[in-house]
Amino acid sequence: MGPLPLARAVPIAIVLALLAASETACHNCGLAEHDRVTVSPTQSAGLVPGDGGAVYQDISLKAATSDPEFSLSNTNYATEPGGVDAFLVPTTCETLFEGGYPGGTPLCKIYVGPAKPGGVSSRAKLDPGTYRLYLQGYSDVTSPVKYLIDVYIWDYRCNSLIQ
């Protein structure tokens, strides 16, 4: 068996090059916000207790494409007395900070956050799954604080962005 004739070698080389290119270009569309989950933990009726109190809720996060990223948006209510920061942490996290907050030492891994009042966190690439949305009140605020948190789902879908 000798070398392949040129007429057969060229198409084979083209097919191999296309396969190699498709392996390196994983997505046809760019990363963008395509979905959001609005959260108001039921155990607190939308309030975080004062004096550094905290509430949390486990949420399931999904994406339509591989390797999604997630970020948090923390709505600031102008009439509220103080702050609540939002985090995504493992579902095993029962107490996020040791000591007063802000300034306490984290006791759990923080995947995303903090999202400060009126702010947005940075994005993090996470596998789809169940995470704990943890809301940590500031220690210097004595009354309960209202909040509204959105978890933004970033992925590589080729469709409209969220409005």
N, C-alpha and C. Protein backbone atom coordinates (compact mmCIF):
# COMPACT_ATOMS: atom_id res chain seq x y z
N MET A 1 0.84 -1.18 0.00
CA MET A 1 0.00 0.00 0.00
C MET A 1 0.89 1.24 0.00
N GLY A 2 0.74 2.07 -1.02
CA GLY A 2 1.55 3.27 -1.16
C GLY A 2 0.84 4.49 -0.61
N PRO A 3 1.41 5.66 -0.87
CA PRO A 3 0.79 6.90 -0.40
C PRO A 3 -0.56 7.14 -1.08
N LEU A 4 -1.42 7.90 -0.36
CA LEU A 4 -2.74 8.23 -0.90
C LEU A 4 -2.60 9.13 -2.11
N PRO A 5 -3.42 8.91 -3.12
CA PRO A 5 -3.41 9.85 -4.24
C PRO A 5 -3.85 11.23 -3.76
N LEU A 6 -3.33 12.27 -4.37
CA LEU A 6 -3.61 13.66 -3.99
C LEU A 6 -5.09 13.95 -4.01
N ALA A 7 -5.84 13.39 -4.92
CA ALA A 7 -7.28 13.63 -5.02
C ALA A 7 -8.02 13.13 -3.78
N ARG A 8 -7.51 12.14 -3.09
CA ARG A 8 -8.15 11.63 -1.87
C ARG A 8 -7.56 12.27 -0.62
N ALA A 9 -6.29 12.63 -0.65
CA ALA A 9 -5.63 13.18 0.52
C ALA A 9 -6.14 14.57 0.87
N VAL A 10 -6.41 15.41 -0.13
CA VAL A 10 -6.87 16.78 0.11
C VAL A 10 -8.22 16.80 0.84
N PRO A 11 -9.25 16.05 0.37
CA PRO A 11 -10.52 16.07 1.11
C PRO A 11 -10.38 15.54 2.54
N ILE A 12 -9.54 14.55 2.74
CA ILE A 12 -9.34 14.01 4.10
C ILE A 12 -8.69 15.08 4.98
N ALA A 13 -7.71 15.78 4.44
CA ALA A 13 -7.06 16.85 5.21
C ALA A 13 -8.04 17.96 5.57
N ILE A 14 -8.93 18.31 4.65
CA ILE A 14 -9.93 19.35 4.92
C ILE A 14 -10.87 18.91 6.03
N VAL A 15 -11.34 17.67 5.98
CA VAL A 15 -12.24 17.15 7.01
C VAL A 15 -11.54 17.16 8.37
N LEU A 16 -10.29 16.72 8.42
CA LEU A 16 -9.55 16.73 9.69
C LEU A 16 -9.36 18.15 10.22
N ALA A 17 -9.09 19.10 9.35
CA ALA A 17 -8.94 20.50 9.77
C ALA A 17 -10.24 21.06 10.32
N LEU A 18 -11.37 20.74 9.67
CA LEU A 18 -12.66 21.20 10.17
C LEU A 18 -13.00 20.59 11.52
N LEU A 19 -12.70 19.32 11.69
CA LEU A 19 -12.94 18.68 12.99
C LEU A 19 -12.09 19.33 14.08
N ALA A 20 -10.85 19.61 13.80
CA ALA A 20 -9.98 20.26 14.77
C ALA A 20 -10.49 21.65 15.12
N ALA A 21 -10.94 22.40 14.12
CA ALA A 21 -11.47 23.74 14.36
C ALA A 21 -12.74 23.69 15.19
N SER A 22 -13.60 22.71 14.97
CA SER A 22 -14.85 22.63 15.73
C SER A 22 -14.58 22.26 17.18
N GLU A 23 -13.51 21.54 17.46
CA GLU A 23 -13.16 21.21 18.83
C GLU A 23 -12.67 22.43 19.60
N THR A 24 -11.99 23.37 18.93
CA THR A 24 -11.47 24.54 19.64
C THR A 24 -12.50 25.65 19.75
N ALA A 25 -13.46 25.71 18.86
CA ALA A 25 -14.51 26.73 18.92
C ALA A 25 -15.76 26.09 19.49
N CYS A 26 -15.88 26.11 20.82
CA CYS A 26 -16.96 25.40 21.51
C CYS A 26 -18.33 26.04 21.31
N HIS A 27 -18.37 27.34 21.09
CA HIS A 27 -19.65 28.04 21.04
C HIS A 27 -19.74 28.91 19.80
N ASN A 28 -20.92 28.94 19.21
CA ASN A 28 -21.15 29.78 18.04
C ASN A 28 -21.53 31.21 18.44
N CYS A 29 -22.09 31.38 19.62
CA CYS A 29 -22.53 32.69 20.08
C CYS A 29 -21.76 33.08 21.33
N GLY A 30 -21.67 34.37 21.58
CA GLY A 30 -20.92 34.86 22.73
C GLY A 30 -21.66 34.69 24.05
N LEU A 31 -20.92 34.81 25.13
CA LEU A 31 -21.48 34.73 26.48
C LEU A 31 -22.36 35.96 26.73
N ALA A 32 -23.58 35.72 27.23
CA ALA A 32 -24.50 36.83 27.50
C ALA A 32 -25.54 36.41 28.53
N GLU A 33 -26.19 37.40 29.15
CA GLU A 33 -27.27 37.13 30.12
C GLU A 33 -28.50 36.67 29.36
N HIS A 34 -28.93 35.45 29.63
CA HIS A 34 -30.10 34.91 28.94
C HIS A 34 -31.26 34.57 29.87
N ASP A 35 -31.02 34.56 31.15
CA ASP A 35 -32.10 34.20 32.07
C ASP A 35 -31.79 34.77 33.44
N ARG A 36 -32.81 34.82 34.29
CA ARG A 36 -32.61 35.26 35.68
C ARG A 36 -33.61 34.55 36.57
N VAL A 37 -33.22 34.39 37.83
CA VAL A 37 -34.08 33.83 38.86
C VAL A 37 -34.19 34.90 39.93
N THR A 38 -35.41 35.34 40.22
CA THR A 38 -35.63 36.34 41.27
C THR A 38 -35.94 35.59 42.55
N VAL A 39 -35.27 35.99 43.63
CA VAL A 39 -35.35 35.24 44.88
C VAL A 39 -35.78 36.14 46.04
N SER A 40 -36.72 35.64 46.79
CA SER A 40 -37.13 36.24 48.05
C SER A 40 -37.36 35.06 48.99
N PRO A 41 -36.35 34.67 49.78
CA PRO A 41 -36.49 33.47 50.60
C PRO A 41 -37.76 33.43 51.42
N THR A 42 -38.44 32.30 51.37
CA THR A 42 -39.74 32.14 52.01
C THR A 42 -39.64 32.13 53.53
N GLN A 43 -38.53 31.68 54.08
CA GLN A 43 -38.44 31.61 55.54
C GLN A 43 -38.44 32.98 56.19
N SER A 44 -38.17 34.04 55.41
CA SER A 44 -38.04 35.36 56.00
C SER A 44 -39.10 36.34 55.53
N ALA A 45 -39.97 35.92 54.63
CA ALA A 45 -41.00 36.80 54.06
C ALA A 45 -40.37 38.05 53.45
N GLY A 46 -39.16 37.91 52.89
CA GLY A 46 -38.51 39.03 52.23
C GLY A 46 -37.78 39.98 53.15
N LEU A 47 -37.52 39.56 54.39
CA LEU A 47 -36.80 40.41 55.34
C LEU A 47 -35.61 39.65 55.93
N VAL A 48 -34.49 40.36 56.10
CA VAL A 48 -33.34 39.82 56.81
C VAL A 48 -33.36 40.44 58.20
N PRO A 49 -33.28 39.63 59.28
CA PRO A 49 -33.32 40.19 60.64
C PRO A 49 -32.18 41.18 60.88
N GLY A 50 -32.41 42.11 61.78
CA GLY A 50 -31.39 43.09 62.15
C GLY A 50 -30.28 42.46 62.98
N ASP A 51 -29.32 43.29 63.37
CA ASP A 51 -28.19 42.88 64.21
C ASP A 51 -27.34 41.79 63.57
N GLY A 52 -27.12 41.90 62.25
CA GLY A 52 -26.26 40.94 61.56
C GLY A 52 -26.92 39.61 61.29
N GLY A 53 -28.25 39.59 61.27
CA GLY A 53 -28.97 38.35 60.97
C GLY A 53 -28.76 37.91 59.54
N ALA A 54 -29.13 36.67 59.27
CA ALA A 54 -28.96 36.12 57.93
C ALA A 54 -30.13 35.20 57.60
N VAL A 55 -30.41 35.07 56.31
CA VAL A 55 -31.39 34.10 55.82
C VAL A 55 -30.78 33.46 54.58
N TYR A 56 -31.26 32.29 54.24
CA TYR A 56 -30.78 31.64 53.03
C TYR A 56 -31.87 30.77 52.44
N GLN A 57 -31.66 30.44 51.18
CA GLN A 57 -32.58 29.56 50.46
C GLN A 57 -31.78 28.81 49.40
N ASP A 58 -32.03 27.51 49.28
CA ASP A 58 -31.39 26.73 48.23
C ASP A 58 -32.13 26.94 46.92
N ILE A 59 -31.37 27.17 45.86
CA ILE A 59 -31.97 27.40 44.54
C ILE A 59 -31.27 26.52 43.51
N SER A 60 -32.05 26.07 42.55
CA SER A 60 -31.53 25.26 41.46
C SER A 60 -31.21 26.18 40.28
N LEU A 61 -29.98 26.11 39.81
CA LEU A 61 -29.56 26.96 38.70
C LEU A 61 -29.24 26.09 37.50
N LYS A 62 -29.86 26.41 36.37
CA LYS A 62 -29.68 25.66 35.13
C LYS A 62 -29.26 26.62 34.04
N ALA A 63 -28.71 26.04 32.97
CA ALA A 63 -28.35 26.84 31.80
C ALA A 63 -28.61 26.00 30.56
N ALA A 64 -28.78 26.66 29.44
CA ALA A 64 -29.09 25.96 28.20
C ALA A 64 -27.84 25.47 27.48
N THR A 65 -26.67 25.96 27.85
CA THR A 65 -25.44 25.52 27.21
C THR A 65 -24.43 25.11 28.27
N SER A 66 -23.32 24.55 27.83
CA SER A 66 -22.29 24.13 28.77
C SER A 66 -21.57 25.35 29.34
N ASP A 67 -20.85 25.14 30.39
CA ASP A 67 -20.06 26.13 31.13
C ASP A 67 -20.73 27.49 31.32
N PRO A 68 -21.90 27.52 32.00
CA PRO A 68 -22.56 28.79 32.28
C PRO A 68 -21.81 29.58 33.36
N GLU A 69 -22.17 30.84 33.46
CA GLU A 69 -21.66 31.70 34.52
C GLU A 69 -22.85 32.34 35.21
N PHE A 70 -22.67 32.68 36.50
CA PHE A 70 -23.75 33.23 37.30
C PHE A 70 -23.26 34.48 38.01
N SER A 71 -24.17 35.46 38.16
CA SER A 71 -23.88 36.67 38.93
C SER A 71 -25.12 37.03 39.74
N LEU A 72 -24.94 37.90 40.71
CA LEU A 72 -26.03 38.32 41.60
C LEU A 72 -26.25 39.83 41.47
N SER A 73 -27.51 40.22 41.52
CA SER A 73 -27.88 41.63 41.55
C SER A 73 -28.70 41.85 42.82
N ASN A 74 -28.37 42.89 43.57
CA ASN A 74 -28.99 43.16 44.86
C ASN A 74 -29.72 44.50 44.77
N THR A 75 -31.05 44.45 44.73
CA THR A 75 -31.85 45.67 44.65
C THR A 75 -31.77 46.43 45.96
N ASN A 76 -31.50 47.70 45.87
CA ASN A 76 -31.41 48.56 47.04
C ASN A 76 -32.73 49.31 47.20
N TYR A 77 -33.35 49.16 48.35
CA TYR A 77 -34.58 49.89 48.66
C TYR A 77 -34.20 51.17 49.39
N ALA A 78 -34.55 52.30 48.82
CA ALA A 78 -34.13 53.59 49.38
C ALA A 78 -34.63 53.82 50.79
N THR A 79 -35.77 53.23 51.15
CA THR A 79 -36.35 53.47 52.47
C THR A 79 -35.84 52.49 53.52
N GLU A 80 -34.98 51.57 53.15
CA GLU A 80 -34.49 50.58 54.12
C GLU A 80 -33.37 51.16 54.98
N PRO A 81 -33.28 50.70 56.23
CA PRO A 81 -32.33 51.28 57.17
C PRO A 81 -30.88 50.88 56.98
N GLY A 82 -30.60 49.84 56.21
CA GLY A 82 -29.20 49.41 56.11
C GLY A 82 -28.99 48.37 55.05
N GLY A 83 -27.93 47.63 55.22
CA GLY A 83 -27.50 46.75 54.15
C GLY A 83 -27.66 45.26 54.39
N VAL A 84 -27.76 44.57 53.25
CA VAL A 84 -27.76 43.12 53.17
C VAL A 84 -26.89 42.77 51.97
N ASP A 85 -25.92 41.90 52.14
CA ASP A 85 -25.10 41.43 51.03
C ASP A 85 -25.53 40.03 50.64
N ALA A 86 -25.46 39.72 49.34
CA ALA A 86 -25.89 38.43 48.82
C ALA A 86 -24.68 37.62 48.34
N PHE A 87 -24.75 36.30 48.56
CA PHE A 87 -23.68 35.39 48.19
C PHE A 87 -24.28 34.09 47.65
N LEU A 88 -23.55 33.40 46.78
CA LEU A 88 -23.85 32.00 46.43
C LEU A 88 -22.78 31.15 47.09
N VAL A 89 -23.24 30.16 47.85
CA VAL A 89 -22.35 29.30 48.63
C VAL A 89 -22.81 27.85 48.50
N PRO A 90 -22.04 26.88 49.02
CA PRO A 90 -22.50 25.49 49.00
C PRO A 90 -23.76 25.32 49.85
N THR A 91 -24.57 24.32 49.52
CA THR A 91 -25.82 24.07 50.26
C THR A 91 -25.57 23.62 51.69
N THR A 92 -24.36 23.27 52.03
CA THR A 92 -24.03 22.85 53.40
C THR A 92 -23.73 24.02 54.32
N CYS A 93 -23.67 25.24 53.78
CA CYS A 93 -23.29 26.41 54.58
C CYS A 93 -24.48 26.87 55.43
N GLU A 94 -24.33 26.77 56.74
CA GLU A 94 -25.39 27.19 57.68
C GLU A 94 -25.08 28.56 58.28
N THR A 95 -23.81 28.84 58.51
CA THR A 95 -23.37 30.13 59.05
C THR A 95 -22.21 30.58 58.17
N LEU A 96 -22.37 31.71 57.48
CA LEU A 96 -21.36 32.14 56.53
C LEU A 96 -20.21 32.90 57.18
N PHE A 97 -20.50 33.70 58.19
CA PHE A 97 -19.44 34.52 58.78
C PHE A 97 -19.33 34.31 60.28
N GLU A 98 -18.08 34.31 60.74
CA GLU A 98 -17.79 34.28 62.16
C GLU A 98 -17.50 35.72 62.57
N GLY A 99 -18.20 36.17 63.59
CA GLY A 99 -18.02 37.55 64.02
C GLY A 99 -18.97 38.49 63.31
N GLY A 100 -18.82 39.77 63.56
CA GLY A 100 -19.70 40.77 62.97
C GLY A 100 -19.50 40.89 61.47
N TYR A 101 -20.53 41.39 60.80
CA TYR A 101 -20.44 41.59 59.37
C TYR A 101 -20.81 43.02 59.03
N PRO A 102 -20.07 43.70 58.13
CA PRO A 102 -18.88 43.22 57.45
C PRO A 102 -17.68 43.14 58.38
N GLY A 103 -16.72 42.36 57.94
CA GLY A 103 -15.48 42.23 58.70
C GLY A 103 -15.26 40.85 59.28
N GLY A 104 -16.31 40.03 59.33
CA GLY A 104 -16.16 38.68 59.87
C GLY A 104 -15.41 37.76 58.92
N THR A 105 -14.95 36.65 59.46
CA THR A 105 -14.22 35.66 58.68
C THR A 105 -15.19 34.68 58.03
N PRO A 106 -15.09 34.44 56.72
CA PRO A 106 -15.98 33.46 56.08
C PRO A 106 -15.70 32.05 56.61
N LEU A 107 -16.77 31.32 56.88
CA LEU A 107 -16.67 29.94 57.36
C LEU A 107 -16.96 28.94 56.25
N CYS A 108 -17.42 29.42 55.10
CA CYS A 108 -17.78 28.57 53.97
C CYS A 108 -17.14 29.13 52.71
N LYS A 109 -17.05 28.29 51.70
CA LYS A 109 -16.56 28.74 50.39
C LYS A 109 -17.60 29.68 49.78
N ILE A 110 -17.14 30.80 49.25
CA ILE A 110 -18.02 31.75 48.57
C ILE A 110 -17.77 31.59 47.07
N TYR A 111 -18.80 31.17 46.33
CA TYR A 111 -18.69 31.02 44.88
C TYR A 111 -18.90 32.35 44.17
N VAL A 112 -19.92 33.09 44.60
CA VAL A 112 -20.27 34.37 43.98
C VAL A 112 -20.62 35.34 45.10
N GLY A 113 -20.17 36.57 44.97
CA GLY A 113 -20.52 37.59 45.94
C GLY A 113 -19.27 38.19 46.56
N PRO A 114 -19.48 39.27 47.31
CA PRO A 114 -20.79 39.80 47.68
C PRO A 114 -21.41 40.66 46.58
N ALA A 115 -22.73 40.67 46.59
CA ALA A 115 -23.50 41.65 45.83
C ALA A 115 -24.00 42.63 46.88
N LYS A 116 -23.41 43.81 46.88
CA LYS A 116 -23.76 44.85 47.86
C LYS A 116 -25.10 45.48 47.49
N PRO A 117 -25.77 46.17 48.44
CA PRO A 117 -27.03 46.83 48.12
C PRO A 117 -26.89 47.78 46.93
N GLY A 118 -27.76 47.60 45.94
CA GLY A 118 -27.71 48.42 44.75
C GLY A 118 -26.62 48.01 43.78
N GLY A 119 -25.98 46.87 44.02
CA GLY A 119 -24.85 46.46 43.20
C GLY A 119 -25.01 45.09 42.57
N VAL A 120 -24.02 44.76 41.76
CA VAL A 120 -23.97 43.48 41.06
C VAL A 120 -22.63 42.83 41.37
N SER A 121 -22.64 41.54 41.59
CA SER A 121 -21.40 40.82 41.86
C SER A 121 -20.66 40.54 40.56
N SER A 122 -19.45 40.07 40.69
CA SER A 122 -18.75 39.56 39.51
C SER A 122 -19.37 38.22 39.13
N ARG A 123 -19.08 37.75 37.91
CA ARG A 123 -19.59 36.46 37.45
C ARG A 123 -18.63 35.36 37.86
N ALA A 124 -19.20 34.16 38.01
CA ALA A 124 -18.38 32.98 38.27
C ALA A 124 -18.89 31.83 37.43
N LYS A 125 -17.96 31.07 36.87
CA LYS A 125 -18.30 29.89 36.10
C LYS A 125 -18.55 28.76 37.09
N LEU A 126 -19.78 28.25 37.08
CA LEU A 126 -20.19 27.16 37.98
C LEU A 126 -20.94 26.12 37.19
N ASP A 127 -20.87 24.89 37.63
CA ASP A 127 -21.70 23.85 37.03
C ASP A 127 -23.15 24.10 37.39
N PRO A 128 -24.08 23.81 36.49
CA PRO A 128 -25.49 23.88 36.88
C PRO A 128 -25.72 22.96 38.08
N GLY A 129 -26.60 23.36 38.97
CA GLY A 129 -26.86 22.56 40.16
C GLY A 129 -27.57 23.38 41.21
N THR A 130 -27.59 22.86 42.42
CA THR A 130 -28.25 23.53 43.54
C THR A 130 -27.20 24.24 44.38
N TYR A 131 -27.47 25.50 44.65
CA TYR A 131 -26.59 26.34 45.45
C TYR A 131 -27.43 27.03 46.52
N ARG A 132 -26.78 27.56 47.52
CA ARG A 132 -27.47 28.31 48.56
C ARG A 132 -27.26 29.80 48.33
N LEU A 133 -28.38 30.52 48.20
CA LEU A 133 -28.34 31.98 48.17
C LEU A 133 -28.36 32.42 49.63
N TYR A 134 -27.28 33.05 50.06
CA TYR A 134 -27.11 33.43 51.46
C TYR A 134 -27.15 34.95 51.54
N LEU A 135 -28.02 35.48 52.40
CA LEU A 135 -28.17 36.93 52.58
C LEU A 135 -27.71 37.30 53.98
N GLN A 136 -26.67 38.08 54.03
CA GLN A 136 -26.05 38.45 55.30
C GLN A 136 -26.31 39.91 55.61
N GLY A 137 -27.01 40.16 56.73
CA GLY A 137 -27.27 41.52 57.16
C GLY A 137 -26.07 42.13 57.85
N TYR A 138 -26.02 43.45 57.87
CA TYR A 138 -24.93 44.17 58.51
C TYR A 138 -25.18 44.22 60.02
N SER A 139 -24.11 44.04 60.78
CA SER A 139 -24.22 43.99 62.24
C SER A 139 -24.67 45.30 62.86
N ASP A 140 -24.39 46.43 62.20
CA ASP A 140 -24.74 47.73 62.78
C ASP A 140 -26.17 48.16 62.47
N VAL A 141 -26.95 47.32 61.81
CA VAL A 141 -28.35 47.63 61.48
C VAL A 141 -29.24 46.85 62.45
N THR A 142 -30.06 47.57 63.21
CA THR A 142 -30.83 46.91 64.27
C THR A 142 -32.21 46.42 63.84
N SER A 143 -32.76 46.95 62.77
CA SER A 143 -34.10 46.52 62.36
C SER A 143 -34.01 45.61 61.12
N PRO A 144 -35.07 44.83 60.86
CA PRO A 144 -35.07 43.96 59.68
C PRO A 144 -34.96 44.78 58.39
N VAL A 145 -34.34 44.16 57.36
CA VAL A 145 -34.09 44.83 56.09
C VAL A 145 -34.74 44.04 54.96
N LYS A 146 -35.47 44.77 54.10
CA LYS A 146 -36.11 44.18 52.93
C LYS A 146 -35.08 44.05 51.81
N TYR A 147 -35.25 43.04 50.97
CA TYR A 147 -34.31 42.83 49.87
C TYR A 147 -35.01 42.20 48.67
N LEU A 148 -34.34 42.24 47.53
CA LEU A 148 -34.76 41.54 46.32
C LEU A 148 -33.48 41.17 45.58
N ILE A 149 -33.27 39.89 45.34
CA ILE A 149 -32.05 39.41 44.70
C ILE A 149 -32.39 38.73 43.37
N ASP A 150 -31.64 39.04 42.35
CA ASP A 150 -31.74 38.34 41.07
C ASP A 150 -30.44 37.58 40.83
N VAL A 151 -30.58 36.32 40.44
CA VAL A 151 -29.43 35.52 40.01
C VAL A 151 -29.48 35.54 38.47
N TYR A 152 -28.45 36.08 37.86
CA TYR A 152 -28.38 36.15 36.40
C TYR A 152 -27.63 34.95 35.86
N ILE A 153 -28.20 34.35 34.82
CA ILE A 153 -27.62 33.17 34.19
C ILE A 153 -27.04 33.59 32.85
N TRP A 154 -25.75 33.44 32.72
CA TRP A 154 -25.01 33.77 31.51
C TRP A 154 -24.67 32.47 30.79
N ASP A 155 -24.98 32.39 29.50
CA ASP A 155 -24.57 31.22 28.73
C ASP A 155 -24.38 31.60 27.28
N TYR A 156 -24.19 30.60 26.44
CA TYR A 156 -23.80 30.82 25.05
C TYR A 156 -24.94 30.57 24.07
N ARG A 157 -26.18 30.74 24.49
CA ARG A 157 -27.31 30.56 23.58
C ARG A 157 -27.27 31.58 22.46
N CYS A 158 -27.82 31.20 21.34
CA CYS A 158 -27.92 32.11 20.19
C CYS A 158 -29.36 32.61 20.10
N ASN A 159 -29.84 33.25 21.15
CA ASN A 159 -31.19 33.83 21.11
C ASN A 159 -31.18 35.15 21.86
N SER A 160 -32.34 35.74 22.02
CA SER A 160 -32.48 37.07 22.62
C SER A 160 -31.94 37.12 24.04
N LEU A 161 -31.43 38.30 24.39
CA LEU A 161 -30.99 38.55 25.75
C LEU A 161 -32.21 38.83 26.61
N ILE A 162 -32.04 38.72 27.94
CA ILE A 162 -33.16 39.04 28.82
C ILE A 162 -33.42 40.53 28.79
N GLN A 163 -34.64 40.90 29.06
CA GLN A 163 -35.03 42.31 29.06
C GLN A 163 -35.11 42.81 30.47
